[in-house]
Structure formats: C-alpha cells, structure tokens
C-alpha cells in the first residue's frame, strides 16, 4: 500500500471529506484529490504541525456541535 492509498483509507476511516483534509494540509479539495489520485506529490509541511492540530480540533468541535444540534432537545410539559 503506497502513501496515497493509506491517506485515502485513513481519511475515509475518520469520515473526513477531501476538503477537510485539504484545509489541514493547506490544499484545496481539488489539490488534495490530485494527491490521492497520483497527479500531484504530497510535499512536507512539518513547520505547520501546530496549525494542522488546531484545525483538526476545530473540525471535530464543529462536528460535535452539528451532531448535538440535530438532536431533539428535552422539553418540559
């Protein structure tokens, strides 16, 4: 399994979109798609590790908020 297949497998396992992963690595959805499909190479962004972590946290928090807002709130009668 090469790194492109691994990237796609991990992304799908974590239920992330190409757009979300693209934001983490500072690429557009199309740019990330080109990496997964083998039309472009993934370049190192080691200096941006902290930025990626905070972006991933914000994506997770946003998803949690979306999930909690879709539930019916408890009401008093």
N, C-alpha and C. Protein backbone atom coordinates (compact mmCIF):
# COMPACT_ATOMS: atom_id res chain seq x y z
N UNK A 1 0.86 -1.18 0.00
CA UNK A 1 0.00 0.00 0.00
C UNK A 1 0.91 1.23 0.00
N UNK A 2 0.75 2.08 -1.01
CA UNK A 2 1.56 3.29 -1.02
C UNK A 2 0.88 4.39 -0.20
N UNK A 3 1.57 5.51 -0.04
CA UNK A 3 1.07 6.53 0.87
C UNK A 3 -0.26 7.14 0.41
N UNK A 4 -0.51 7.15 -0.88
CA UNK A 4 -1.78 7.70 -1.38
C UNK A 4 -2.96 6.84 -0.94
N UNK A 5 -2.81 5.54 -1.07
CA UNK A 5 -3.86 4.62 -0.62
C UNK A 5 -4.07 4.72 0.88
N UNK A 6 -2.97 4.87 1.61
CA UNK A 6 -3.05 5.00 3.07
C UNK A 6 -3.75 6.30 3.46
N UNK A 7 -3.43 7.40 2.78
CA UNK A 7 -4.10 8.68 3.05
C UNK A 7 -5.61 8.55 2.86
N UNK A 8 -6.00 7.95 1.76
CA UNK A 8 -7.42 7.80 1.47
C UNK A 8 -8.11 6.90 2.49
N UNK A 9 -7.45 5.80 2.86
CA UNK A 9 -8.03 4.87 3.83
C UNK A 9 -8.22 5.54 5.18
N UNK A 10 -7.21 6.28 5.64
CA UNK A 10 -7.32 6.96 6.93
C UNK A 10 -8.40 8.03 6.88
N UNK A 11 -8.43 8.78 5.79
CA UNK A 11 -9.46 9.83 5.64
C UNK A 11 -10.86 9.23 5.70
N UNK A 12 -11.07 8.14 5.00
CA UNK A 12 -12.38 7.51 4.99
C UNK A 12 -12.72 6.87 6.34
N UNK A 13 -11.72 6.29 7.01
CA UNK A 13 -11.95 5.70 8.33
C UNK A 13 -12.41 6.75 9.34
N UNK A 14 -11.90 7.96 9.20
CA UNK A 14 -12.26 9.04 10.14
C UNK A 14 -13.42 9.88 9.64
N UNK A 15 -14.04 9.44 8.56
CA UNK A 15 -15.20 10.14 7.98
C UNK A 15 -14.92 11.61 7.70
N UNK A 16 -13.77 11.87 7.11
CA UNK A 16 -13.41 13.24 6.73
C UNK A 16 -13.59 13.40 5.22
N UNK A 17 -13.91 14.60 4.81
CA UNK A 17 -14.02 14.89 3.39
C UNK A 17 -12.65 15.29 2.86
N UNK A 18 -12.52 15.28 1.55
CA UNK A 18 -11.27 15.72 0.94
C UNK A 18 -11.05 17.20 1.24
N UNK A 19 -12.10 17.96 1.31
CA UNK A 19 -12.00 19.39 1.61
C UNK A 19 -11.43 19.60 3.01
N UNK A 20 -11.92 18.85 3.98
CA UNK A 20 -11.45 18.99 5.36
C UNK A 20 -9.96 18.64 5.48
N UNK A 21 -9.56 17.55 4.85
CA UNK A 21 -8.15 17.15 4.90
C UNK A 21 -7.31 18.17 4.13
N UNK A 22 -7.83 18.66 3.03
CA UNK A 22 -7.12 19.68 2.25
C UNK A 22 -6.83 20.92 3.08
N UNK A 23 -7.79 21.34 3.90
CA UNK A 23 -7.57 22.51 4.76
C UNK A 23 -6.44 22.24 5.75
N UNK A 24 -6.38 21.02 6.26
CA UNK A 24 -5.34 20.67 7.24
C UNK A 24 -3.95 20.77 6.62
N UNK A 25 -3.82 20.39 5.37
CA UNK A 25 -2.50 20.43 4.73
C UNK A 25 -2.35 21.63 3.80
N UNK A 26 -3.24 22.60 3.94
CA UNK A 26 -3.19 23.85 3.15
C UNK A 26 -3.29 23.60 1.65
N UNK A 27 -4.23 22.77 1.28
CA UNK A 27 -4.52 22.49 -0.13
C UNK A 27 -6.02 22.65 -0.35
N UNK A 28 -6.40 22.91 -1.57
CA UNK A 28 -7.82 22.93 -1.90
C UNK A 28 -8.31 21.49 -2.00
N UNK A 29 -9.61 21.32 -2.10
CA UNK A 29 -10.17 19.96 -2.27
C UNK A 29 -9.62 19.35 -3.54
N UNK A 30 -9.54 20.14 -4.60
CA UNK A 30 -9.03 19.64 -5.87
C UNK A 30 -7.55 19.26 -5.76
N UNK A 31 -6.78 20.09 -5.06
CA UNK A 31 -5.36 19.79 -4.87
C UNK A 31 -5.16 18.50 -4.09
N UNK A 32 -5.97 18.32 -3.04
CA UNK A 32 -5.87 17.08 -2.27
C UNK A 32 -6.29 15.88 -3.12
N UNK A 33 -7.34 16.05 -3.91
CA UNK A 33 -7.79 14.97 -4.79
C UNK A 33 -6.67 14.57 -5.75
N UNK A 34 -5.94 15.54 -6.26
CA UNK A 34 -4.83 15.24 -7.17
C UNK A 34 -3.74 14.42 -6.46
N UNK A 35 -3.54 14.68 -5.18
CA UNK A 35 -2.57 13.90 -4.41
C UNK A 35 -3.06 12.46 -4.27
N UNK A 36 -4.34 12.30 -3.88
CA UNK A 36 -4.89 10.94 -3.73
C UNK A 36 -4.87 10.17 -5.04
N UNK A 37 -5.13 10.85 -6.15
CA UNK A 37 -5.22 10.18 -7.44
C UNK A 37 -3.86 9.98 -8.11
N UNK A 38 -2.80 10.58 -7.54
CA UNK A 38 -1.47 10.38 -8.10
C UNK A 38 -1.06 11.40 -9.13
N UNK A 39 -1.84 12.47 -9.30
CA UNK A 39 -1.49 13.51 -10.26
C UNK A 39 -0.57 14.57 -9.67
N UNK A 40 -0.41 14.54 -8.34
CA UNK A 40 0.46 15.50 -7.65
C UNK A 40 1.13 14.79 -6.49
N UNK A 41 2.26 15.34 -6.06
CA UNK A 41 3.00 14.78 -4.93
C UNK A 41 2.66 15.54 -3.66
N UNK A 42 2.67 14.84 -2.55
CA UNK A 42 2.47 15.46 -1.25
C UNK A 42 3.81 15.99 -0.77
N UNK A 43 3.86 17.29 -0.51
CA UNK A 43 5.10 17.89 -0.03
C UNK A 43 5.03 18.06 1.47
N UNK A 44 6.17 18.03 2.11
CA UNK A 44 6.24 18.12 3.56
C UNK A 44 5.83 19.51 4.05
N UNK A 45 5.04 19.51 5.14
CA UNK A 45 4.64 20.76 5.79
C UNK A 45 4.90 20.64 7.28
N UNK A 46 6.10 20.18 7.62
CA UNK A 46 6.44 19.91 9.02
C UNK A 46 6.30 21.16 9.89
N UNK A 47 6.63 22.32 9.40
CA UNK A 47 6.56 23.54 10.18
C UNK A 47 5.16 23.96 10.54
N UNK A 48 4.17 23.36 9.96
CA UNK A 48 2.78 23.76 10.19
C UNK A 48 2.03 22.74 11.04
N UNK A 49 2.74 21.93 11.80
CA UNK A 49 2.12 20.88 12.60
C UNK A 49 1.10 21.43 13.60
N UNK A 50 1.48 22.49 14.29
CA UNK A 50 0.59 23.07 15.29
C UNK A 50 -0.69 23.61 14.64
N UNK A 51 -0.52 24.22 13.50
CA UNK A 51 -1.66 24.76 12.76
C UNK A 51 -2.62 23.64 12.35
N UNK A 52 -2.08 22.52 11.89
CA UNK A 52 -2.92 21.38 11.48
C UNK A 52 -3.68 20.82 12.67
N UNK A 53 -3.00 20.70 13.82
CA UNK A 53 -3.66 20.16 15.00
C UNK A 53 -4.83 21.03 15.43
N UNK A 54 -4.63 22.34 15.45
CA UNK A 54 -5.71 23.22 15.88
C UNK A 54 -6.87 23.18 14.88
N UNK A 55 -6.55 23.07 13.60
CA UNK A 55 -7.61 22.98 12.60
C UNK A 55 -8.39 21.69 12.74
N UNK A 56 -7.69 20.58 13.01
CA UNK A 56 -8.39 19.31 13.23
C UNK A 56 -9.29 19.39 14.45
N UNK A 57 -8.80 20.02 15.53
CA UNK A 57 -9.63 20.18 16.72
C UNK A 57 -10.88 20.98 16.40
N UNK A 58 -10.73 22.07 15.64
CA UNK A 58 -11.89 22.89 15.33
C UNK A 58 -12.89 22.14 14.46
N UNK A 59 -12.40 21.29 13.55
CA UNK A 59 -13.29 20.48 12.71
C UNK A 59 -14.06 19.50 13.59
N UNK A 60 -13.36 18.84 14.53
CA UNK A 60 -14.03 17.89 15.43
C UNK A 60 -15.08 18.60 16.29
N UNK A 61 -14.72 19.79 16.82
CA UNK A 61 -15.67 20.54 17.64
C UNK A 61 -16.89 20.96 16.83
N UNK A 62 -16.67 21.37 15.60
CA UNK A 62 -17.78 21.77 14.73
C UNK A 62 -18.71 20.59 14.49
N UNK A 63 -18.14 19.41 14.23
CA UNK A 63 -18.96 18.21 14.02
C UNK A 63 -19.76 17.85 15.26
N UNK A 64 -19.14 17.98 16.45
CA UNK A 64 -19.85 17.69 17.69
C UNK A 64 -21.03 18.63 17.85
N UNK A 65 -20.81 19.92 17.58
CA UNK A 65 -21.91 20.90 17.68
C UNK A 65 -23.03 20.58 16.70
N UNK A 66 -22.66 20.20 15.49
CA UNK A 66 -23.66 19.85 14.49
C UNK A 66 -24.47 18.63 14.93
N UNK A 67 -23.78 17.65 15.49
CA UNK A 67 -24.47 16.44 15.95
C UNK A 67 -25.40 16.75 17.11
N UNK A 68 -24.96 17.59 18.03
CA UNK A 68 -25.80 17.90 19.19
C UNK A 68 -26.98 18.79 18.80
N UNK A 69 -26.83 19.61 17.77
CA UNK A 69 -27.93 20.48 17.37
C UNK A 69 -29.00 19.73 16.59
N UNK A 70 -28.69 18.56 16.07
CA UNK A 70 -29.67 17.78 15.31
C UNK A 70 -30.57 16.96 16.23
N UNK A 71 -30.16 16.79 17.48
CA UNK A 71 -30.97 16.04 18.44
C UNK A 71 -32.12 16.91 18.94
N UNK A 72 -33.22 16.27 19.23
CA UNK A 72 -34.38 16.99 19.77
C UNK A 72 -34.13 17.34 21.22
N UNK A 73 -34.22 18.61 21.57
CA UNK A 73 -33.97 18.98 22.97
C UNK A 73 -35.11 18.49 23.87
N UNK A 74 -34.78 18.26 25.12
CA UNK A 74 -35.75 17.85 26.11
C UNK A 74 -36.61 19.02 26.49
N UNK A 75 -37.92 18.81 26.56
CA UNK A 75 -38.85 19.90 26.88
C UNK A 75 -39.68 19.56 28.09
N UNK A 76 -40.02 20.58 28.87
CA UNK A 76 -40.95 20.41 29.97
C UNK A 76 -42.35 20.59 29.45
N UNK A 77 -43.28 19.83 29.97
CA UNK A 77 -44.69 19.98 29.56
C UNK A 77 -45.47 20.70 30.62
